[in-house]
Amino acid sequence: MIYACNDSPAKERVVIYDSILGISIHRALLALLIQGRVSAAVLFTSWAVGLVLLRVTGQQALLSSFSNSALVTLIVLMLVSLVLERSPLLDHLSNTLLKGRESMASLQLMGVTSFLSAFLNNTAVVGSLLGVMARQRHIPASRLLIPLSYASILGGITTLVGTSTNLVINSFVINAGLTPLGMFSFTLVGLPVALICMGALLFSTRWLPRHQALDKDAAQSYFLEAQVMAHSPLIGQSREENQLRNLNGLFLLEIVRHDRLLSPVSPDEVLEQGDVLVFTGEVEKVQTL
């Protein structure tokens, strides 16, 4: 009994010490993230390894976090979104959606974006469609970006996989031994909220700014032109065969051929002599070509 009484204050001191250490570690991590000098991926990885080396946490706890079902699901959704981004499907889809009246085009854009966000990661959906919105010439991009962003958020609240937050909460529910949330557990509440908010957003699009695209001189630093010369090995081969779809930091935006503009450029488009290839992205990576 005497040993138990003497040991109790020691255990309390250990608990208090661990709490103070945990708060200090989290505050230091938050401060580094706010500074932004180190990328989040590098910071979190090095932080986790450091905690294991200092024996603040165990190796088993670190490895178990990588097998979290929510994390695996999120990675799969990101991979699916990446495939969609690199396919010509989104370019063709945008050309179809953004034709006609602006109000109808905005409604169609929000509907498709919210539907995709309900089953894919909403951040990845916005990232995939941003380039498409910038390249199309039907409606100024300044009148589409806010509807695109909010529609992806609204679509994400309708299903379990629509947003990473829902997946993380579901993992907490499973770890607590409760019944897992279903795929459409959020739909009954989320769908009416999404429809009402998109209706209000559609009504307010008339007040969005109408900024025109940058003039050629101002935008020139973001574009790169390359001409296909005679006897070039690129001639007679498609864009995909020439490996122009997966350039590091560069994207083939359009082709100028005999005073004709080919945009978007399909993967099966065969290059000809004299074609002017217009790339966009990190133009300092010109050596990639």
C-alpha atoms as a PDB file:
ATOM      1  CA  MET A   1       0.000   0.000   0.000  1.00  0.00           C
ATOM      2  CA  ILE A   2       2.837   2.370   0.837  1.00  0.00           C
ATOM      3  CA  TYR A   3       4.469   1.576  -2.520  1.00  0.00           C
ATOM      4  CA  ALA A   4       1.234   2.297  -4.400  1.00  0.00           C
ATOM      5  CA  CYS A   5       0.803   5.633  -2.625  1.00  0.00           C
ATOM      6  CA  ASN A   6       4.372   6.648  -3.340  1.00  0.00           C
ATOM      7  CA  ASP A   7       4.124   5.538  -6.969  1.00  0.00           C
ATOM      8  CA  SER A   8       0.942   7.469  -7.746  1.00  0.00           C
ATOM      9  CA  PRO A   9       2.552  10.954  -7.731  1.00  0.00           C
ATOM     10  CA  ALA A  10       5.329   9.610  -9.946  1.00  0.00           C
ATOM     11  CA  LYS A  11       2.817   8.358 -12.504  1.00  0.00           C
ATOM     12  CA  GLU A  12       1.024  11.695 -12.424  1.00  0.00           C
ATOM     13  CA  ARG A  13       4.334  13.489 -13.060  1.00  0.00           C
ATOM     14  CA  VAL A  14       5.012  11.208 -16.028  1.00  0.00           C
ATOM     15  CA  VAL A  15       1.552  11.938 -17.479  1.00  0.00           C
ATOM     16  CA  ILE A  16       2.046  15.688 -17.025  1.00  0.00           C
ATOM     17  CA  TYR A  17       5.504  15.488 -18.606  1.00  0.00           C
ATOM     18  CA  ASP A  18       4.155  13.567 -21.620  1.00  0.00           C
ATOM     19  CA  SER A  19       1.334  16.103 -22.038  1.00  0.00           C
ATOM     20  CA  ILE A  20       3.711  19.070 -21.960  1.00  0.00           C
ATOM     21  CA  LEU A  21       6.076  17.307 -24.387  1.00  0.00           C
ATOM     22  CA  GLY A  22       3.226  16.488 -26.775  1.00  0.00           C
ATOM     23  CA  ILE A  23       1.914  20.065 -26.762  1.00  0.00           C
ATOM     24  CA  SER A  24       5.425  21.455 -27.319  1.00  0.00           C
ATOM     25  CA  ILE A  25       6.042  19.094 -30.247  1.00  0.00           C
ATOM     26  CA  HIS A  26       2.753  20.014 -31.906  1.00  0.00           C
ATOM     27  CA  ARG A  27       3.381  23.738 -31.438  1.00  0.00           C
ATOM     28  CA  ALA A  28       6.852  23.460 -32.962  1.00  0.00           C
ATOM     29  CA  LEU A  29       5.462  21.540 -35.936  1.00  0.00           C
ATOM     30  CA  LEU A  30       2.708  24.108 -36.431  1.00  0.00           C
ATOM     31  CA  ALA A  31       5.238  26.961 -36.307  1.00  0.00           C
ATOM     32  CA  LEU A  32       7.374  25.316 -39.006  1.00  0.00           C
ATOM     33  CA  LEU A  33       4.329  24.734 -41.202  1.00  0.00           C
ATOM     34  CA  ILE A  34       3.304  28.385 -40.880  1.00  0.00           C
ATOM     35  CA  GLN A  35       6.791  29.546 -41.908  1.00  0.00           C
ATOM     36  CA  GLY A  36       6.563  27.468 -45.075  1.00  0.00           C
ATOM     37  CA  ARG A  37      10.328  27.164 -45.533  1.00  0.00           C
ATOM     38  CA  VAL A  38      10.120  23.357 -45.631  1.00  0.00           C
ATOM     39  CA  SER A  39       7.546  21.458 -47.669  1.00  0.00           C
ATOM     40  CA  ALA A  40       4.805  19.755 -45.666  1.00  0.00           C
ATOM     41  CA  ALA A  41       5.662  16.280 -47.012  1.00  0.00           C
ATOM     42  CA  VAL A  42       9.321  16.533 -45.981  1.00  0.00           C
ATOM     43  CA  LEU A  43       8.425  18.098 -42.642  1.00  0.00           C
ATOM     44  CA  PHE A  44       5.856  15.480 -41.629  1.00  0.00           C
ATOM     45  CA  THR A  45       8.065  12.584 -42.727  1.00  0.00           C
ATOM     46  CA  SER A  46      11.157  13.823 -40.903  1.00  0.00           C
ATOM     47  CA  TRP A  47       9.046  14.695 -37.857  1.00  0.00           C
ATOM     48  CA  ALA A  48       7.596  11.181 -37.676  1.00  0.00           C
ATOM     49  CA  VAL A  49      11.027   9.561 -38.028  1.00  0.00           C
ATOM     50  CA  GLY A  50      12.424  11.898 -35.371  1.00  0.00           C
ATOM     51  CA  LEU A  51       9.688  10.941 -32.916  1.00  0.00           C
ATOM     52  CA  VAL A  52      10.529   7.275 -33.389  1.00  0.00           C
ATOM     53  CA  LEU A  53      14.272   7.869 -32.944  1.00  0.00           C
ATOM     54  CA  LEU A  54      13.624   9.856 -29.754  1.00  0.00           C
ATOM     55  CA  ARG A  55      11.310   7.053 -28.566  1.00  0.00           C
ATOM     56  CA  VAL A  56       8.419   9.436 -28.155  1.00  0.00           C
ATOM     57  CA  THR A  57       6.359   6.972 -30.167  1.00  0.00           C
ATOM     58  CA  GLY A  58       6.937   3.384 -31.240  1.00  0.00           C
ATOM     59  CA  GLN A  59       7.658   1.902 -34.629  1.00  0.00           C
ATOM     60  CA  GLN A  60       4.418  -0.068 -34.507  1.00  0.00           C
ATOM     61  CA  ALA A  61       2.368   3.096 -34.100  1.00  0.00           C
ATOM     62  CA  LEU A  62       4.163   4.712 -37.060  1.00  0.00           C
ATOM     63  CA  LEU A  63       3.685   1.715 -39.349  1.00  0.00           C
ATOM     64  CA  SER A  64       0.045   1.271 -38.359  1.00  0.00           C
ATOM     65  CA  SER A  65      -0.718   4.825 -39.525  1.00  0.00           C
ATOM     66  CA  PHE A  66       0.299   3.848 -43.084  1.00  0.00           C
ATOM     67  CA  SER A  67      -2.213   0.997 -43.052  1.00  0.00           C
ATOM     68  CA  ASN A  68      -5.083   3.300 -42.095  1.00  0.00           C
ATOM     69  CA  SER A  69      -8.017   2.556 -44.403  1.00  0.00           C
ATOM     70  CA  ALA A  70      -8.877   6.257 -44.750  1.00  0.00           C
ATOM     71  CA  LEU A  71      -5.352   7.050 -45.964  1.00  0.00           C
ATOM     72  CA  VAL A  72      -5.370   4.172 -48.457  1.00  0.00           C
ATOM     73  CA  THR A  73      -8.765   5.243 -49.808  1.00  0.00           C
ATOM     74  CA  LEU A  74      -7.589   8.836 -50.173  1.00  0.00           C
ATOM     75  CA  ILE A  75      -4.474   7.737 -52.098  1.00  0.00           C
ATOM     76  CA  VAL A  76      -6.595   5.643 -54.477  1.00  0.00           C
ATOM     77  CA  LEU A  77      -8.916   8.591 -55.113  1.00  0.00           C
ATOM     78  CA  MET A  78      -5.938  10.838 -55.834  1.00  0.00           C
ATOM     79  CA  LEU A  79      -4.572   8.305 -58.338  1.00  0.00           C
ATOM     80  CA  VAL A  80      -7.925   8.117 -60.127  1.00  0.00           C
ATOM     81  CA  SER A  81      -8.047  11.920 -60.303  1.00  0.00           C
ATOM     82  CA  LEU A  82      -4.501  11.974 -61.717  1.00  0.00           C
ATOM     83  CA  VAL A  83      -5.527   9.572 -64.478  1.00  0.00           C
ATOM     84  CA  LEU A  84      -8.484  11.796 -65.360  1.00  0.00           C
ATOM     85  CA  GLU A  85      -6.257  14.873 -65.424  1.00  0.00           C
ATOM     86  CA  ARG A  86      -3.858  13.296 -67.923  1.00  0.00           C
ATOM     87  CA  SER A  87      -6.601  11.992 -70.193  1.00  0.00           C
ATOM     88  CA  PRO A  88      -8.259  14.128 -72.916  1.00  0.00           C
ATOM     89  CA  LEU A  89     -11.644  13.441 -71.327  1.00  0.00           C
ATOM     90  CA  LEU A  90     -11.704  16.640 -69.252  1.00  0.00           C
ATOM     91  CA  ASP A  91     -10.777  18.812 -72.243  1.00  0.00           C
ATOM     92  CA  HIS A  92     -13.612  17.392 -74.330  1.00  0.00           C
ATOM     93  CA  LEU A  93     -15.962  17.654 -71.360  1.00  0.00           C
ATOM     94  CA  SER A  94     -15.187  21.331 -70.788  1.00  0.00           C
ATOM     95  CA  ASN A  95     -15.734  22.177 -74.455  1.00  0.00           C
ATOM     96  CA  THR A  96     -19.190  20.602 -74.200  1.00  0.00           C
ATOM     97  CA  LEU A  97     -20.154  22.120 -70.846  1.00  0.00           C
ATOM     98  CA  LEU A  98     -19.058  25.696 -71.472  1.00  0.00           C
ATOM     99  CA  LYS A  99     -20.888  26.323 -74.723  1.00  0.00           C
ATOM    100  CA  GLY A 100     -24.074  28.360 -74.914  1.00  0.00           C
ATOM    101  CA  ARG A 101     -25.386  30.836 -72.376  1.00  0.00           C
ATOM    102  CA  GLU A 102     -23.124  31.649 -69.466  1.00  0.00           C
ATOM    103  CA  SER A 103     -25.736  30.855 -66.801  1.00  0.00           C
ATOM    104  CA  MET A 104     -26.419  27.431 -68.291  1.00  0.00           C
ATOM    105  CA  ALA A 105     -22.688  26.767 -68.688  1.00  0.00           C
ATOM    106  CA  SER A 106     -22.072  27.660 -65.024  1.00  0.00           C
ATOM    107  CA  LEU A 107     -24.925  25.402 -63.933  1.00  0.00           C
ATOM    108  CA  GLN A 108     -23.573  22.500 -65.979  1.00  0.00           C
ATOM    109  CA  LEU A 109     -20.063  23.084 -64.656  1.00  0.00           C
ATOM    110  CA  MET A 110     -21.226  23.100 -61.030  1.00  0.00           C
ATOM    111  CA  GLY A 111     -23.359  20.003 -61.561  1.00  0.00           C
ATOM    112  CA  VAL A 112     -20.562  17.940 -63.100  1.00  0.00           C
ATOM    113  CA  THR A 113     -17.981  19.203 -60.593  1.00  0.00           C
ATOM    114  CA  SER A 114     -20.166  18.384 -57.584  1.00  0.00           C
ATOM    115  CA  PHE A 115     -20.943  14.927 -58.996  1.00  0.00           C
ATOM    116  CA  LEU A 116     -17.253  14.144 -59.532  1.00  0.00           C
ATOM    117  CA  SER A 117     -16.376  15.501 -56.082  1.00  0.00           C
ATOM    118  CA  ALA A 118     -18.925  13.187 -54.494  1.00  0.00           C
ATOM    119  CA  PHE A 119     -16.875  10.157 -55.570  1.00  0.00           C
ATOM    120  CA  LEU A 120     -13.372  11.589 -55.978  1.00  0.00           C
ATOM    121  CA  ASN A 121     -11.188  13.774 -53.791  1.00  0.00           C
ATOM    122  CA  ASN A 122     -12.576  17.307 -54.206  1.00  0.00           C
ATOM    123  CA  THR A 123      -9.157  18.960 -54.071  1.00  0.00           C
ATOM    124  CA  ALA A 124      -7.942  16.715 -56.884  1.00  0.00           C
ATOM    125  CA  VAL A 125     -11.047  17.467 -58.944  1.00  0.00           C
ATOM    126  CA  VAL A 126     -10.423  21.220 -58.710  1.00  0.00           C
ATOM    127  CA  GLY A 127      -6.753  20.731 -59.562  1.00  0.00           C
ATOM    128  CA  SER A 128      -7.680  18.647 -62.599  1.00  0.00           C
ATOM    129  CA  LEU A 129     -10.188  21.168 -63.920  1.00  0.00           C
ATOM    130  CA  LEU A 130      -8.173  24.334 -63.281  1.00  0.00           C
ATOM    131  CA  GLY A 131      -6.032  23.894 -66.354  1.00  0.00           C
ATOM    132  CA  VAL A 132      -9.086  23.117 -68.469  1.00  0.00           C
ATOM    133  CA  MET A 133     -10.833  26.281 -67.260  1.00  0.00           C
ATOM    134  CA  ALA A 134      -7.781  28.385 -68.105  1.00  0.00           C
ATOM    135  CA  ARG A 135      -7.405  26.955 -71.614  1.00  0.00           C
ATOM    136  CA  GLN A 136     -11.015  27.253 -72.775  1.00  0.00           C
ATOM    137  CA  ARG A 137     -12.074  30.445 -74.598  1.00  0.00           C
ATOM    138  CA  HIS A 138     -15.863  30.417 -74.173  1.00  0.00           C
ATOM    139  CA  ILE A 139     -16.200  32.195 -70.797  1.00  0.00           C
ATOM    140  CA  PRO A 140     -13.639  34.297 -68.838  1.00  0.00           C
ATOM    141  CA  ALA A 141     -11.982  32.070 -66.250  1.00  0.00           C
ATOM    142  CA  SER A 142     -12.576  34.707 -63.559  1.00  0.00           C
ATOM    143  CA  ARG A 143     -16.315  33.908 -63.714  1.00  0.00           C
ATOM    144  CA  LEU A 144     -15.788  30.155 -63.352  1.00  0.00           C
ATOM    145  CA  LEU A 145     -13.226  29.668 -60.601  1.00  0.00           C
ATOM    146  CA  ILE A 146     -15.476  30.430 -57.617  1.00  0.00           C
ATOM    147  CA  PRO A 147     -18.363  28.238 -58.894  1.00  0.00           C
ATOM    148  CA  LEU A 148     -15.820  25.478 -59.566  1.00  0.00           C
ATOM    149  CA  SER A 149     -14.320  25.693 -56.072  1.00  0.00           C
ATOM    150  CA  TYR A 150     -17.598  25.866 -54.154  1.00  0.00           C
ATOM    151  CA  ALA A 151     -19.273  23.155 -56.245  1.00  0.00           C
ATOM    152  CA  SER A 152     -16.428  20.761 -55.414  1.00  0.00           C
ATOM    153  CA  ILE A 153     -16.871  21.483 -51.698  1.00  0.00           C
ATOM    154  CA  LEU A 154     -20.642  21.031 -51.878  1.00  0.00           C
ATOM    155  CA  GLY A 155     -20.302  17.758 -53.765  1.00  0.00           C
ATOM    156  CA  GLY A 156     -17.838  16.495 -51.195  1.00  0.00           C
ATOM    157  CA  ILE A 157     -20.333  16.717 -48.318  1.00  0.00           C
ATOM    158  CA  THR A 158     -22.807  14.315 -49.939  1.00  0.00           C
ATOM    159  CA  THR A 159     -20.857  11.035 -49.636  1.00  0.00           C
ATOM    160  CA  LEU A 160     -18.325   9.314 -47.426  1.00  0.00           C
ATOM    161  CA  VAL A 161     -15.466   9.528 -49.954  1.00  0.00           C
ATOM    162  CA  GLY A 162     -16.315  13.045 -51.117  1.00  0.00           C
ATOM    163  CA  THR A 163     -13.834  14.663 -48.768  1.00  0.00           C
ATOM    164  CA  SER A 164     -10.874  13.436 -46.754  1.00  0.00           C
ATOM    165  CA  THR A 165     -12.452  14.816 -43.579  1.00  0.00           C
ATOM    166  CA  ASN A 166     -15.308  12.310 -43.806  1.00  0.00           C
ATOM    167  CA  LEU A 167     -12.821   9.464 -44.281  1.00  0.00           C
ATOM    168  CA  VAL A 168     -10.782  10.517 -41.251  1.00  0.00           C
ATOM    169  CA  ILE A 169     -13.912  10.762 -39.090  1.00  0.00           C
ATOM    170  CA  ASN A 170     -14.989   7.312 -40.265  1.00  0.00           C
ATOM    171  CA  SER A 171     -11.599   5.894 -39.235  1.00  0.00           C
ATOM    172  CA  PHE A 172     -12.106   7.380 -35.754  1.00  0.00           C
ATOM    173  CA  VAL A 173     -15.551   5.789 -35.613  1.00  0.00           C
ATOM    174  CA  ILE A 174     -14.110   2.384 -36.538  1.00  0.00           C
ATOM    175  CA  ASN A 175     -11.287   2.680 -33.994  1.00  0.00           C
ATOM    176  CA  ALA A 176     -13.864   3.491 -31.305  1.00  0.00           C
ATOM    177  CA  GLY A 177     -15.658   0.224 -32.045  1.00  0.00           C
ATOM    178  CA  LEU A 178     -18.788   1.894 -33.436  1.00  0.00           C
ATOM    179  CA  THR A 179     -20.699   1.012 -36.604  1.00  0.00           C
ATOM    180  CA  PRO A 180     -18.813   2.347 -39.660  1.00  0.00           C
ATOM    181  CA  LEU A 181     -20.417   5.143 -41.637  1.00  0.00           C
ATOM    182  CA  GLY A 182     -21.982   4.133 -44.931  1.00  0.00           C
ATOM    183  CA  MET A 183     -21.210   5.495 -48.378  1.00  0.00           C
ATOM    184  CA  PHE A 184     -24.393   7.591 -48.429  1.00  0.00           C
ATOM    185  CA  SER A 185     -24.780   8.304 -44.721  1.00  0.00           C
ATOM    186  CA  PHE A 186     -24.280  12.024 -45.451  1.00  0.00           C
ATOM    187  CA  THR A 187     -26.526  12.216 -48.526  1.00  0.00           C
ATOM    188  CA  LEU A 188     -29.860  12.828 -46.812  1.00  0.00           C
ATOM    189  CA  VAL A 189     -28.552  16.077 -45.311  1.00  0.00           C
ATOM    190  CA  GLY A 190     -25.713  16.925 -47.677  1.00  0.00           C
ATOM    191  CA  LEU A 191     -27.636  16.724 -50.965  1.00  0.00           C
ATOM    192  CA  PRO A 192     -30.361  19.287 -50.070  1.00  0.00           C
ATOM    193  CA  VAL A 193     -27.713  21.615 -48.654  1.00  0.00           C
ATOM    194  CA  ALA A 194     -25.634  21.262 -51.824  1.00  0.00           C
ATOM    195  CA  LEU A 195     -28.611  21.982 -54.114  1.00  0.00           C
ATOM    196  CA  ILE A 196     -29.697  25.055 -52.146  1.00  0.00           C
ATOM    197  CA  CYS A 197     -26.170  26.472 -52.007  1.00  0.00           C
ATOM    198  CA  MET A 198     -25.556  25.885 -55.719  1.00  0.00           C
ATOM    199  CA  GLY A 199     -28.818  27.656 -56.508  1.00  0.00           C
ATOM    200  CA  ALA A 200     -27.692  30.651 -54.447  1.00  0.00           C
ATOM    201  CA  LEU A 201     -24.275  30.519 -56.075  1.00  0.00           C
ATOM    202  CA  LEU A 202     -25.803  30.464 -59.551  1.00  0.00           C
ATOM    203  CA  PHE A 203     -27.897  33.522 -58.702  1.00  0.00           C
ATOM    204  CA  SER A 204     -24.824  35.430 -57.464  1.00  0.00           C
ATOM    205  CA  THR A 205     -22.546  34.640 -60.434  1.00  0.00           C
ATOM    206  CA  ARG A 206     -23.753  37.852 -62.126  1.00  0.00           C
ATOM    207  CA  TRP A 207     -21.591  39.830 -59.672  1.00  0.00           C
ATOM    208  CA  LEU A 208     -18.400  37.902 -60.376  1.00  0.00           C
ATOM    209  CA  PRO A 209     -15.610  39.882 -62.107  1.00  0.00           C
ATOM    210  CA  ARG A 210     -15.088  39.594 -65.838  1.00  0.00           C
ATOM    211  CA  HIS A 211     -11.309  39.736 -66.178  1.00  0.00           C
ATOM    212  CA  GLN A 212     -10.003  39.210 -69.669  1.00  0.00           C
ATOM    213  CA  ALA A 213      -7.029  36.981 -70.346  1.00  0.00           C
ATOM    214  CA  LEU A 214      -3.584  38.545 -70.070  1.00  0.00           C
ATOM    215  CA  ASP A 215      -2.246  40.115 -73.240  1.00  0.00           C
ATOM    216  CA  LYS A 216       0.369  38.264 -75.206  1.00  0.00           C
ATOM    217  CA  ASP A 217       3.319  40.278 -73.918  1.00  0.00           C
ATOM    218  CA  ALA A 218       2.327  39.838 -70.272  1.00  0.00           C
ATOM    219  CA  ALA A 219       1.702  36.110 -70.639  1.00  0.00           C
ATOM    220  CA  GLN A 220       4.720  35.361 -72.842  1.00  0.00           C
ATOM    221  CA  SER A 221       6.912  34.373 -69.900  1.00  0.00           C
ATOM    222  CA  TYR A 222       4.605  31.444 -69.163  1.00  0.00           C
ATOM    223  CA  PHE A 223       4.664  29.984 -72.687  1.00  0.00           C
ATOM    224  CA  LEU A 224       7.273  28.286 -74.816  1.00  0.00           C
ATOM    225  CA  GLU A 225       7.237  27.684 -78.571  1.00  0.00           C
ATOM    226  CA  ALA A 226       9.124  24.986 -80.447  1.00  0.00           C
ATOM    227  CA  GLN A 227       8.993  24.381 -84.194  1.00  0.00           C
ATOM    228  CA  VAL A 228       9.222  20.951 -85.784  1.00  0.00           C
ATOM    229  CA  MET A 229      12.024  21.296 -88.316  1.00  0.00           C
ATOM    230  CA  ALA A 230      12.630  19.244 -91.469  1.00  0.00           C
ATOM    231  CA  HIS A 231      14.008  15.715 -90.910  1.00  0.00           C
ATOM    232  CA  SER A 232      12.905  15.841 -87.264  1.00  0.00           C
ATOM    233  CA  PRO A 233      12.273  12.374 -85.754  1.00  0.00           C
ATOM    234  CA  LEU A 234       8.997  13.752 -84.363  1.00  0.00           C
ATOM    235  CA  ILE A 235       7.418  13.961 -87.828  1.00  0.00           C
ATOM    236  CA  GLY A 236       4.870  11.264 -88.604  1.00  0.00           C
ATOM    237  CA  GLN A 237       4.400  10.221 -84.983  1.00  0.00           C
ATOM    238  CA  SER A 238       1.576  11.071 -82.612  1.00  0.00           C
ATOM    239  CA  ARG A 239       1.837  13.225 -79.526  1.00  0.00           C
ATOM    240  CA  GLU A 240       1.761  10.126 -77.330  1.00  0.00           C
ATOM    241  CA  GLU A 241       4.374   8.252 -79.397  1.00  0.00           C
ATOM    242  CA  ASN A 242       6.677  11.278 -79.103  1.00  0.00           C
ATOM    243  CA  GLN A 243       6.243  11.188 -75.297  1.00  0.00           C
ATOM    244  CA  LEU A 244       4.928  14.751 -75.205  1.00  0.00           C
ATOM    245  CA  ARG A 245       2.157  13.925 -72.715  1.00  0.00           C
ATOM    246  CA  ASN A 246       4.322  13.370 -69.647  1.00  0.00           C
ATOM    247  CA  LEU A 247       6.897  16.152 -69.822  1.00  0.00           C
ATOM    248  CA  ASN A 248       8.351  17.248 -66.510  1.00  0.00           C
ATOM    249  CA  GLY A 249       6.826  20.658 -65.747  1.00  0.00           C
ATOM    250  CA  LEU A 250       5.611  21.367 -69.307  1.00  0.00           C
ATOM    251  CA  PHE A 251       2.246  20.816 -70.975  1.00  0.00           C
ATOM    252  CA  LEU A 252       1.574  20.855 -74.735  1.00  0.00           C
ATOM    253  CA  LEU A 253      -1.173  23.452 -74.935  1.00  0.00           C
ATOM    254  CA  GLU A 254      -1.750  23.809 -78.685  1.00  0.00           C
ATOM    255  CA  ILE A 255      -0.302  23.351 -82.165  1.00  0.00           C
ATOM    256  CA  VAL A 256      -0.155  26.071 -84.826  1.00  0.00           C
ATOM    257  CA  ARG A 257      -0.280  24.419 -88.268  1.00  0.00           C
ATOM    258  CA  HIS A 258      -0.583  26.409 -91.517  1.00  0.00           C
ATOM    259  CA  ASP A 259      -2.414  29.308 -89.831  1.00  0.00           C
ATOM    260  CA  ARG A 260      -4.719  26.835 -88.062  1.00  0.00           C
ATOM    261  CA  LEU A 261      -4.868  26.411 -84.295  1.00  0.00           C
ATOM    262  CA  LEU A 262      -5.235  22.876 -82.919  1.00  0.00           C
ATOM    263  CA  SER A 263      -6.389  23.010 -79.307  1.00  0.00           C
ATOM    264  CA  PRO A 264      -6.735  20.871 -77.269  1.00  0.00           C
ATOM    265  CA  VAL A 265      -4.141  18.508 -78.701  1.00  0.00           C
ATOM    266  CA  SER A 266      -5.341  14.920 -78.652  1.00  0.00           C
ATOM    267  CA  PRO A 267      -2.910  12.088 -77.838  1.00  0.00           C
ATOM    268  CA  ASP A 268      -3.374  10.709 -81.394  1.00  0.00           C
ATOM    269  CA  GLU A 269      -2.513  14.006 -83.150  1.00  0.00           C
ATOM    270  CA  VAL A 270       0.307  13.299 -85.649  1.00  0.00           C
ATOM    271  CA  LEU A 271       3.020  15.962 -85.888  1.00  0.00           C
ATOM    272  CA  GLU A 272       3.957  17.447 -89.233  1.00  0.00           C
ATOM    273  CA  GLN A 273       6.904  19.433 -90.542  1.00  0.00           C
ATOM    274  CA  GLY A 274       6.608  23.116 -89.686  1.00  0.00           C
ATOM    275  CA  ASP A 275       4.250  22.610 -86.732  1.00  0.00           C
ATOM    276  CA  VAL A 276       4.718  25.164 -83.955  1.00  0.00           C
ATOM    277  CA  LEU A 277       4.256  23.479 -80.585  1.00  0.00           C
ATOM    278  CA  VAL A 278       3.108  25.813 -77.809  1.00  0.00           C
ATOM    279  CA  PHE A 279       3.962  24.627 -74.300  1.00  0.00           C
ATOM    280  CA  THR A 280       2.953  26.120 -70.965  1.00  0.00           C
ATOM    281  CA  GLY A 281       4.211  25.566 -67.452  1.00  0.00           C
ATOM    282  CA  GLU A 282       7.720  25.842 -66.047  1.00  0.00           C
ATOM    283  CA  VAL A 283       9.447  27.312 -69.074  1.00  0.00           C
ATOM    284  CA  GLU A 284      12.843  27.125 -67.375  1.00  0.00           C
ATOM    285  CA  LYS A 285      12.619  23.359 -67.937  1.00  0.00           C
ATOM    286  CA  VAL A 286      13.110  23.846 -71.671  1.00  0.00           C
ATOM    287  CA  GLN A 287      15.930  21.295 -71.557  1.00  0.00           C
ATOM    288  CA  THR A 288      13.240  18.609 -71.072  1.00  0.00           C
ATOM    289  CA  LEU A 289      12.416  18.932 -74.766  1.00  0.00           C
END
